[in-house]
Amino acid sequence: MSTSKAKYRPSLDAETLEYLSNLVTREFATNNHPLALVAIGKLAPFVAKIKAGAIKPSHSTVDKPDMLTQLGSPEEVTSDANSDTISEADCYTLWQEAIASNDFTHVNVEIINKAKNYAYLNDLLTEEQEIEYEKSMQQN
């Protein structure tokens, strides 16, 4: 007997999707929450396809400034960092900077995973973080 989950489709603009992707990346980076990894797996490729122009909006709304634009929020900075070319030590530094500044736009899941591995191998994790890391490695 299989069970199914109800699924929903929100109507969000590209900036909001990118913001949500950054939020779940931050959640994964700080708390290693399993649902964050699921959400990243859905949102990150979707955001990448939007940026690449591979998919188009399903519909558009009237051009009216949103509340953040009216309030004058700063522009978001996105990252094109490629974790394959960054050492684990540098990934760890990027991860720590992201945690300190609460700005996860310059890190992705691969960078966070390399950073956590580096921290684990170099005894930089607390005992609680180490236990969580070991649990996550057993689940993979």
N, C-alpha and C. Protein backbone atom coordinates (compact mmCIF):
# COMPACT_ATOMS: atom_id res chain seq x y z
N MET A 1 0.85 -1.17 0.00
CA MET A 1 0.00 0.00 0.00
C MET A 1 0.90 1.24 0.00
N SER A 2 0.74 2.07 -0.98
CA SER A 2 1.55 3.28 -1.03
C SER A 2 0.73 4.46 -0.52
N THR A 3 1.43 5.37 0.10
CA THR A 3 0.76 6.58 0.58
C THR A 3 1.21 7.75 -0.28
N SER A 4 0.33 8.69 -0.47
CA SER A 4 0.69 9.85 -1.27
C SER A 4 0.56 11.10 -0.42
N LYS A 5 1.32 12.09 -0.77
CA LYS A 5 1.27 13.37 -0.08
C LYS A 5 0.63 14.38 -1.01
N ALA A 6 -0.20 15.22 -0.44
CA ALA A 6 -0.77 16.31 -1.23
C ALA A 6 0.34 17.31 -1.53
N LYS A 7 0.38 17.82 -2.75
CA LYS A 7 1.41 18.79 -3.14
C LYS A 7 0.73 20.04 -3.67
N TYR A 8 1.38 21.17 -3.44
CA TYR A 8 0.81 22.46 -3.81
C TYR A 8 1.81 23.24 -4.65
N ARG A 9 1.31 24.17 -5.44
CA ARG A 9 2.15 25.01 -6.29
C ARG A 9 1.90 26.47 -5.95
N PRO A 10 2.83 27.07 -5.22
CA PRO A 10 2.66 28.50 -4.95
C PRO A 10 3.04 29.31 -6.18
N SER A 11 2.55 30.50 -6.26
CA SER A 11 2.90 31.40 -7.35
C SER A 11 3.87 32.44 -6.81
N LEU A 12 5.17 32.22 -7.08
CA LEU A 12 6.22 33.08 -6.53
C LEU A 12 7.10 33.62 -7.65
N ASP A 13 7.62 34.82 -7.45
CA ASP A 13 8.54 35.38 -8.45
C ASP A 13 9.95 34.82 -8.22
N ALA A 14 10.83 35.07 -9.18
CA ALA A 14 12.18 34.51 -9.14
C ALA A 14 12.95 34.96 -7.90
N GLU A 15 12.80 36.22 -7.51
CA GLU A 15 13.53 36.73 -6.35
C GLU A 15 13.08 36.04 -5.06
N THR A 16 11.78 35.81 -4.94
CA THR A 16 11.26 35.14 -3.75
C THR A 16 11.72 33.68 -3.72
N LEU A 17 11.73 33.02 -4.87
CA LEU A 17 12.22 31.64 -4.93
C LEU A 17 13.69 31.57 -4.54
N GLU A 18 14.47 32.52 -5.02
CA GLU A 18 15.89 32.54 -4.67
C GLU A 18 16.08 32.79 -3.17
N TYR A 19 15.29 33.69 -2.63
CA TYR A 19 15.34 33.98 -1.20
C TYR A 19 15.01 32.73 -0.38
N LEU A 20 13.96 32.02 -0.77
CA LEU A 20 13.58 30.80 -0.07
C LEU A 20 14.68 29.74 -0.18
N SER A 21 15.29 29.65 -1.34
CA SER A 21 16.39 28.72 -1.53
C SER A 21 17.54 29.06 -0.58
N ASN A 22 17.84 30.35 -0.45
CA ASN A 22 18.89 30.78 0.48
C ASN A 22 18.52 30.46 1.92
N LEU A 23 17.25 30.64 2.27
CA LEU A 23 16.80 30.34 3.64
C LEU A 23 16.97 28.87 3.98
N VAL A 24 16.56 28.00 3.08
CA VAL A 24 16.68 26.57 3.38
C VAL A 24 18.14 26.13 3.36
N THR A 25 18.96 26.78 2.55
CA THR A 25 20.39 26.49 2.57
C THR A 25 20.97 26.88 3.93
N ARG A 26 20.56 28.02 4.45
CA ARG A 26 21.00 28.47 5.77
C ARG A 26 20.53 27.48 6.84
N GLU A 27 19.31 27.02 6.74
CA GLU A 27 18.77 26.05 7.70
C GLU A 27 19.59 24.76 7.68
N PHE A 28 19.94 24.32 6.48
CA PHE A 28 20.76 23.11 6.35
C PHE A 28 22.15 23.35 6.93
N ALA A 29 22.70 24.55 6.68
CA ALA A 29 24.05 24.87 7.15
C ALA A 29 24.14 24.94 8.66
N THR A 30 23.11 25.46 9.28
CA THR A 30 23.17 25.65 10.73
C THR A 30 22.57 24.51 11.53
N ASN A 31 21.52 23.89 11.02
CA ASN A 31 20.81 22.87 11.79
C ASN A 31 20.79 21.49 11.17
N ASN A 32 21.26 21.38 9.94
CA ASN A 32 21.31 20.09 9.25
C ASN A 32 19.93 19.43 9.21
N HIS A 33 18.90 20.24 9.08
CA HIS A 33 17.53 19.73 9.10
C HIS A 33 17.26 18.94 7.82
N PRO A 34 16.75 17.71 7.92
CA PRO A 34 16.57 16.88 6.72
C PRO A 34 15.58 17.47 5.71
N LEU A 35 14.55 18.17 6.18
CA LEU A 35 13.61 18.77 5.24
C LEU A 35 14.26 19.91 4.46
N ALA A 36 15.26 20.56 5.07
CA ALA A 36 15.96 21.62 4.35
C ALA A 36 16.66 21.05 3.13
N LEU A 37 17.24 19.89 3.26
CA LEU A 37 17.93 19.26 2.13
C LEU A 37 16.94 18.89 1.04
N VAL A 38 15.76 18.43 1.42
CA VAL A 38 14.71 18.12 0.44
C VAL A 38 14.30 19.39 -0.30
N ALA A 39 14.09 20.47 0.46
CA ALA A 39 13.69 21.74 -0.14
C ALA A 39 14.78 22.29 -1.06
N ILE A 40 16.04 22.18 -0.65
CA ILE A 40 17.15 22.64 -1.49
C ILE A 40 17.16 21.86 -2.80
N GLY A 41 16.92 20.55 -2.69
CA GLY A 41 16.90 19.71 -3.88
C GLY A 41 15.83 20.12 -4.88
N LYS A 42 14.77 20.72 -4.40
CA LYS A 42 13.70 21.20 -5.28
C LYS A 42 13.93 22.64 -5.74
N LEU A 43 14.30 23.51 -4.80
CA LEU A 43 14.40 24.94 -5.10
C LEU A 43 15.66 25.33 -5.88
N ALA A 44 16.82 24.81 -5.48
CA ALA A 44 18.08 25.23 -6.11
C ALA A 44 18.10 24.97 -7.62
N PRO A 45 17.73 23.77 -8.09
CA PRO A 45 17.72 23.56 -9.54
C PRO A 45 16.68 24.45 -10.25
N PHE A 46 15.55 24.66 -9.59
CA PHE A 46 14.50 25.50 -10.16
C PHE A 46 15.00 26.94 -10.33
N VAL A 47 15.66 27.47 -9.29
CA VAL A 47 16.22 28.83 -9.36
C VAL A 47 17.30 28.90 -10.44
N ALA A 48 18.14 27.88 -10.53
CA ALA A 48 19.20 27.86 -11.55
C ALA A 48 18.60 27.87 -12.95
N LYS A 49 17.52 27.11 -13.17
CA LYS A 49 16.86 27.09 -14.48
C LYS A 49 16.26 28.45 -14.82
N ILE A 50 15.69 29.10 -13.82
CA ILE A 50 15.12 30.44 -14.04
C ILE A 50 16.22 31.41 -14.45
N LYS A 51 17.34 31.40 -13.72
CA LYS A 51 18.46 32.30 -14.02
C LYS A 51 19.04 32.04 -15.40
N ALA A 52 19.06 30.78 -15.80
CA ALA A 52 19.61 30.41 -17.11
C ALA A 52 18.63 30.67 -18.25
N GLY A 53 17.39 31.01 -17.88
CA GLY A 53 16.39 31.25 -18.91
C GLY A 53 15.83 29.97 -19.51
N ALA A 54 16.05 28.85 -18.83
CA ALA A 54 15.59 27.56 -19.35
C ALA A 54 14.09 27.37 -19.15
N ILE A 55 13.53 28.09 -18.20
CA ILE A 55 12.08 28.03 -18.01
C ILE A 55 11.53 29.45 -17.94
N LYS A 56 10.32 29.59 -18.34
CA LYS A 56 9.66 30.89 -18.37
C LYS A 56 8.54 30.92 -17.32
N PRO A 57 8.14 32.11 -16.90
CA PRO A 57 7.05 32.20 -15.92
C PRO A 57 5.76 31.62 -16.48
N SER A 58 4.97 31.03 -15.59
CA SER A 58 3.69 30.49 -16.02
C SER A 58 2.66 31.61 -16.21
N HIS A 59 2.85 32.69 -15.51
CA HIS A 59 2.01 33.87 -15.70
C HIS A 59 2.71 35.08 -15.08
N SER A 60 2.26 36.25 -15.42
CA SER A 60 2.84 37.48 -14.90
C SER A 60 1.74 38.33 -14.28
N THR A 61 2.16 39.20 -13.39
CA THR A 61 1.22 40.13 -12.77
C THR A 61 1.51 41.53 -13.27
N VAL A 62 0.64 42.44 -12.98
CA VAL A 62 0.84 43.84 -13.37
C VAL A 62 2.11 44.36 -12.69
N ASP A 63 2.91 45.12 -13.43
CA ASP A 63 4.13 45.68 -12.85
C ASP A 63 3.80 46.71 -11.79
N LYS A 64 3.83 46.27 -10.58
CA LYS A 64 3.58 47.15 -9.46
C LYS A 64 4.67 46.86 -8.45
N PRO A 65 5.33 47.87 -7.90
CA PRO A 65 6.44 47.61 -6.97
C PRO A 65 5.95 46.85 -5.74
N ASP A 66 6.74 45.84 -5.34
CA ASP A 66 6.37 45.12 -4.13
C ASP A 66 6.75 45.94 -2.90
N MET A 67 6.36 45.47 -1.74
CA MET A 67 6.57 46.22 -0.50
C MET A 67 8.05 46.45 -0.23
N LEU A 68 8.90 45.45 -0.46
CA LEU A 68 10.33 45.62 -0.21
C LEU A 68 10.94 46.70 -1.09
N THR A 69 10.52 46.74 -2.35
CA THR A 69 11.02 47.77 -3.25
C THR A 69 10.56 49.14 -2.78
N GLN A 70 9.33 49.24 -2.34
CA GLN A 70 8.82 50.52 -1.83
C GLN A 70 9.58 50.97 -0.60
N LEU A 71 10.02 50.02 0.22
CA LEU A 71 10.77 50.36 1.43
C LEU A 71 12.24 50.60 1.15
N GLY A 72 12.70 50.28 -0.06
CA GLY A 72 14.09 50.52 -0.43
C GLY A 72 15.05 49.49 0.09
N SER A 73 14.72 48.20 -0.02
CA SER A 73 15.62 47.15 0.46
C SER A 73 16.85 47.04 -0.43
N PRO A 74 17.98 46.56 0.10
CA PRO A 74 19.19 46.41 -0.71
C PRO A 74 19.02 45.27 -1.71
N GLU A 75 19.77 45.36 -2.80
CA GLU A 75 19.73 44.29 -3.80
C GLU A 75 20.41 43.05 -3.25
N GLU A 76 19.88 41.90 -3.62
CA GLU A 76 20.47 40.65 -3.17
C GLU A 76 21.71 40.34 -4.01
N VAL A 77 22.70 39.76 -3.35
CA VAL A 77 23.90 39.33 -4.03
C VAL A 77 23.82 37.82 -4.19
N THR A 78 24.05 37.34 -5.38
CA THR A 78 24.00 35.90 -5.59
C THR A 78 25.41 35.38 -5.80
N SER A 79 25.57 34.10 -5.61
CA SER A 79 26.88 33.49 -5.72
C SER A 79 26.94 32.53 -6.88
N ASP A 80 28.06 32.56 -7.59
CA ASP A 80 28.31 31.60 -8.64
C ASP A 80 29.46 30.69 -8.23
N ALA A 81 29.70 30.61 -6.90
CA ALA A 81 30.83 29.83 -6.41
C ALA A 81 30.70 28.37 -6.83
N ASN A 82 31.80 27.82 -7.31
CA ASN A 82 31.84 26.43 -7.72
C ASN A 82 32.63 25.67 -6.67
N SER A 83 31.97 24.78 -5.93
CA SER A 83 32.62 24.09 -4.83
C SER A 83 33.74 23.15 -5.30
N ASP A 84 33.74 22.76 -6.58
CA ASP A 84 34.79 21.87 -7.07
C ASP A 84 36.15 22.56 -7.08
N THR A 85 36.17 23.87 -7.22
CA THR A 85 37.44 24.59 -7.31
C THR A 85 37.86 25.20 -5.98
N ILE A 86 37.08 24.97 -4.92
CA ILE A 86 37.37 25.55 -3.61
C ILE A 86 37.80 24.44 -2.66
N SER A 87 38.91 24.68 -1.94
CA SER A 87 39.39 23.68 -0.98
C SER A 87 38.43 23.55 0.19
N GLU A 88 38.53 22.43 0.90
CA GLU A 88 37.67 22.25 2.07
C GLU A 88 37.92 23.33 3.12
N ALA A 89 39.19 23.73 3.28
CA ALA A 89 39.50 24.79 4.25
C ALA A 89 38.84 26.10 3.86
N ASP A 90 38.86 26.42 2.56
CA ASP A 90 38.21 27.65 2.10
C ASP A 90 36.69 27.54 2.21
N CYS A 91 36.16 26.35 1.97
CA CYS A 91 34.72 26.13 2.15
C CYS A 91 34.34 26.37 3.61
N TYR A 92 35.19 25.89 4.51
CA TYR A 92 34.93 26.08 5.94
C TYR A 92 34.93 27.58 6.28
N THR A 93 35.88 28.32 5.72
CA THR A 93 35.93 29.77 5.96
C THR A 93 34.68 30.45 5.43
N LEU A 94 34.27 30.09 4.20
CA LEU A 94 33.05 30.67 3.63
C LEU A 94 31.84 30.36 4.50
N TRP A 95 31.76 29.13 4.98
CA TRP A 95 30.65 28.70 5.82
C TRP A 95 30.62 29.49 7.12
N GLN A 96 31.78 29.65 7.76
CA GLN A 96 31.85 30.40 9.01
C GLN A 96 31.49 31.87 8.80
N GLU A 97 31.94 32.45 7.69
CA GLU A 97 31.59 33.83 7.38
C GLU A 97 30.09 33.97 7.16
N ALA A 98 29.50 32.98 6.49
CA ALA A 98 28.05 33.00 6.24
C ALA A 98 27.27 32.93 7.55
N ILE A 99 27.73 32.08 8.46
CA ILE A 99 27.06 31.95 9.76
C ILE A 99 27.20 33.26 10.54
N ALA A 100 28.42 33.83 10.55
CA ALA A 100 28.66 35.06 11.31
C ALA A 100 27.85 36.24 10.79
N SER A 101 27.73 36.33 9.47
CA SER A 101 27.01 37.46 8.86
C SER A 101 25.53 37.17 8.63
N ASN A 102 25.14 35.90 8.83
CA ASN A 102 23.78 35.45 8.55
C ASN A 102 23.41 35.71 7.08
N ASP A 103 24.40 35.59 6.20
CA ASP A 103 24.21 35.80 4.77
C ASP A 103 24.72 34.56 4.03
N PHE A 104 23.80 33.74 3.57
CA PHE A 104 24.15 32.47 2.96
C PHE A 104 24.06 32.51 1.43
N THR A 105 24.12 33.71 0.86
CA THR A 105 24.03 33.82 -0.59
C THR A 105 25.30 33.36 -1.29
N HIS A 106 26.41 33.26 -0.55
CA HIS A 106 27.67 32.88 -1.17
C HIS A 106 28.05 31.43 -0.93
N VAL A 107 27.14 30.65 -0.38
CA VAL A 107 27.42 29.24 -0.15
C VAL A 107 26.29 28.39 -0.75
N ASN A 108 26.65 27.18 -1.11
CA ASN A 108 25.64 26.23 -1.60
C ASN A 108 25.80 24.94 -0.82
N VAL A 109 24.98 23.96 -1.09
CA VAL A 109 25.00 22.71 -0.34
C VAL A 109 26.36 22.03 -0.42
N GLU A 110 26.98 22.03 -1.59
CA GLU A 110 28.27 21.37 -1.75
C GLU A 110 29.33 22.04 -0.88
N ILE A 111 29.33 23.37 -0.84
CA ILE A 111 30.29 24.10 -0.02
C ILE A 111 30.05 23.79 1.46
N ILE A 112 28.80 23.77 1.87
CA ILE A 112 28.48 23.47 3.27
C ILE A 112 28.92 22.05 3.61
N ASN A 113 28.66 21.10 2.73
CA ASN A 113 29.06 19.71 3.01
C ASN A 113 30.58 19.59 3.11
N LYS A 114 31.31 20.25 2.20
CA LYS A 114 32.78 20.22 2.27
C LYS A 114 33.27 20.88 3.55
N ALA A 115 32.62 21.98 3.94
CA ALA A 115 33.00 22.68 5.17
C ALA A 115 32.76 21.81 6.40
N LYS A 116 31.62 21.14 6.42
CA LYS A 116 31.31 20.26 7.57
C LYS A 116 32.29 19.10 7.63
N ASN A 117 32.65 18.54 6.49
CA ASN A 117 33.63 17.46 6.46
C ASN A 117 34.97 17.95 6.98
N TYR A 118 35.40 19.13 6.54
CA TYR A 118 36.65 19.71 7.01
C TYR A 118 36.61 19.92 8.52
N ALA A 119 35.50 20.49 9.01
CA ALA A 119 35.36 20.74 10.45
C ALA A 119 35.40 19.42 11.23
N TYR A 120 34.76 18.40 10.70
CA TYR A 120 34.73 17.09 11.36
C TYR A 120 36.14 16.49 11.42
N LEU A 121 36.84 16.50 10.31
CA LEU A 121 38.17 15.90 10.25
C LEU A 121 39.21 16.66 11.06
N ASN A 122 38.97 17.95 11.29
CA ASN A 122 39.93 18.78 12.01
C ASN A 122 39.47 19.15 13.43
N ASP A 123 38.52 18.37 13.95
CA ASP A 123 38.02 18.55 15.32
C ASP A 123 37.57 19.98 15.61
N LEU A 124 36.82 20.56 14.67
CA LEU A 124 36.33 21.93 14.83
C LEU A 124 34.85 21.98 15.22
N LEU A 125 34.22 20.81 15.35
CA LEU A 125 32.81 20.74 15.71
C LEU A 125 32.66 20.52 17.21
N THR A 126 31.55 21.02 17.75
CA THR A 126 31.22 20.69 19.13
C THR A 126 30.83 19.22 19.17
N GLU A 127 30.74 18.67 20.35
CA GLU A 127 30.37 17.26 20.46
C GLU A 127 28.98 17.01 19.86
N GLU A 128 28.06 17.94 20.11
CA GLU A 128 26.70 17.82 19.57
C GLU A 128 26.71 17.88 18.04
N GLN A 129 27.49 18.82 17.48
CA GLN A 129 27.58 18.94 16.02
C GLN A 129 28.22 17.69 15.42
N GLU A 130 29.21 17.15 16.11
CA GLU A 130 29.88 15.95 15.62
C GLU A 130 28.90 14.77 15.56
N ILE A 131 28.07 14.62 16.60
CA ILE A 131 27.08 13.55 16.63
C ILE A 131 26.09 13.73 15.48
N GLU A 132 25.61 14.96 15.27
CA GLU A 132 24.68 15.24 14.18
C GLU A 132 25.32 14.95 12.82
N TYR A 133 26.59 15.33 12.67
CA TYR A 133 27.29 15.08 11.41
C TYR A 133 27.40 13.58 11.15
N GLU A 134 27.78 12.82 12.18
CA GLU A 134 27.91 11.38 12.02
C GLU A 134 26.56 10.74 11.68
N LYS A 135 25.48 11.22 12.30
CA LYS A 135 24.14 10.71 11.98
C LYS A 135 23.80 11.00 10.52
N SER A 136 24.10 12.21 10.06
CA SER A 136 23.78 12.57 8.68
C SER A 136 24.59 11.75 7.70
N MET A 137 25.82 11.40 8.05
CA MET A 137 26.64 10.59 7.17
C MET A 137 26.11 9.16 7.10
N GLN A 138 25.56 8.66 8.18
CA GLN A 138 24.98 7.31 8.19
C GLN A 138 23.71 7.26 7.35
N GLN A 139 22.98 8.37 7.31
CA GLN A 139 21.73 8.42 6.52
C GLN A 139 22.02 8.47 5.03
N ASN A 140 23.18 8.97 4.66
CA ASN A 140 23.52 9.07 3.23
C ASN A 140 24.07 7.78 2.79
